[in-house]
């Protein structure tokens, strides 16, 4: 957050399997990149996380008062 109250977000992460490439098993993505051959994508299933950004803003000015990163590991 800047001193003037501007909240800046470049990447909050994703909600889904953490050890993956956009939710797909990373070993399959690597195989595609190495061989340049198509591979059927399968969803990664382990270590699912919810990631977000919580911004408390002044309702009158719209300026950010606080910014909090949230990354919560979900369990089965």
Protein backbone atom coordinates (compact mmCIF):
# COMPACT_ATOMS: atom_id res chain seq x y z
CA UNK A 1 0.00 0.00 0.00
CA UNK A 2 1.38 3.41 -0.90
CA UNK A 3 1.48 6.30 1.60
CA UNK A 4 -1.34 7.99 -0.36
CA UNK A 5 -3.66 5.00 0.21
CA UNK A 6 -3.38 3.18 -3.09
CA UNK A 7 -3.58 -0.61 -2.75
CA UNK A 8 -1.34 -2.43 -5.20
CA UNK A 9 -1.82 -6.06 -6.19
CA UNK A 10 0.43 -7.78 -8.72
CA UNK A 11 -0.56 -11.40 -8.06
CA UNK A 12 -2.65 -12.82 -5.23
CA UNK A 13 -2.08 -16.41 -6.31
CA UNK A 14 -4.76 -18.87 -7.22
CA UNK A 15 -7.39 -20.95 -5.55
CA UNK A 16 -6.71 -24.61 -6.26
CA UNK A 17 -3.90 -27.17 -6.05
CA UNK A 18 -0.81 -25.25 -4.94
CA UNK A 19 1.85 -27.54 -6.43
CA UNK A 20 0.49 -27.36 -10.00
CA UNK A 21 0.46 -25.31 -13.18
CA UNK A 22 -2.91 -23.54 -13.15
CA UNK A 23 -4.45 -26.58 -11.48
CA UNK A 24 -2.92 -29.19 -13.81
CA UNK A 25 -0.35 -31.79 -12.67
CA UNK A 26 3.02 -30.16 -13.25
CA UNK A 27 4.71 -33.37 -14.46
CA UNK A 28 2.31 -33.46 -17.42
CA UNK A 29 2.94 -29.81 -18.26
CA UNK A 30 6.70 -30.39 -18.12
CA UNK A 31 6.36 -33.42 -20.41
CA UNK A 32 4.48 -31.27 -22.95
CA UNK A 33 7.15 -28.57 -22.79
CA UNK A 34 10.05 -31.02 -23.14
CA UNK A 35 8.63 -33.26 -25.86
CA UNK A 36 6.53 -30.63 -27.67
CA UNK A 37 3.83 -33.30 -27.90
CA UNK A 38 0.29 -32.93 -26.56
CA UNK A 39 -0.49 -34.68 -23.29
CA UNK A 40 -3.92 -35.10 -21.73
CA UNK A 41 -4.24 -32.74 -18.78
CA UNK A 42 -5.23 -34.14 -15.42
CA UNK A 43 -6.17 -32.04 -12.43
CA UNK A 44 -3.73 -31.89 -9.54
CA UNK A 45 -5.44 -32.88 -6.30
CA UNK A 46 -3.12 -32.30 -3.36
CA UNK A 47 -2.45 -29.24 -1.21
CA UNK A 48 -5.49 -27.19 -2.25
CA UNK A 49 -5.32 -23.57 -1.12
CA UNK A 50 -7.56 -20.52 -1.14
CA UNK A 51 -5.57 -17.36 -1.87
CA UNK A 52 -6.96 -13.83 -1.90
CA UNK A 53 -6.34 -10.23 -0.93
CA UNK A 54 -8.48 -8.43 1.67
CA UNK A 55 -8.53 -4.64 1.34
CA UNK A 56 -10.18 -2.39 3.93
CA UNK A 57 -11.05 0.85 2.15
CA UNK A 58 -12.39 4.22 3.33
CA UNK A 59 -15.93 4.44 1.90
CA UNK A 60 -15.70 8.21 1.40
CA UNK A 61 -12.30 8.56 -0.28
CA UNK A 62 -11.92 5.03 -1.68
CA UNK A 63 -8.37 4.93 -0.32
CA UNK A 64 -7.00 1.71 1.14
CA UNK A 65 -6.68 1.66 4.92
CA UNK A 66 -5.13 -1.79 5.14
CA UNK A 67 -4.20 -4.71 2.89
CA UNK A 68 -4.00 -8.32 4.06
CA UNK A 69 -2.81 -11.34 2.07
CA UNK A 70 -4.83 -14.49 2.72
CA UNK A 71 -3.56 -17.99 1.91
CA UNK A 72 -5.55 -20.74 3.59
CA UNK A 73 -4.75 -24.43 3.11
CA UNK A 74 -7.96 -26.42 2.66
CA UNK A 75 -8.27 -29.89 4.16
CA UNK A 76 -10.37 -32.85 3.08
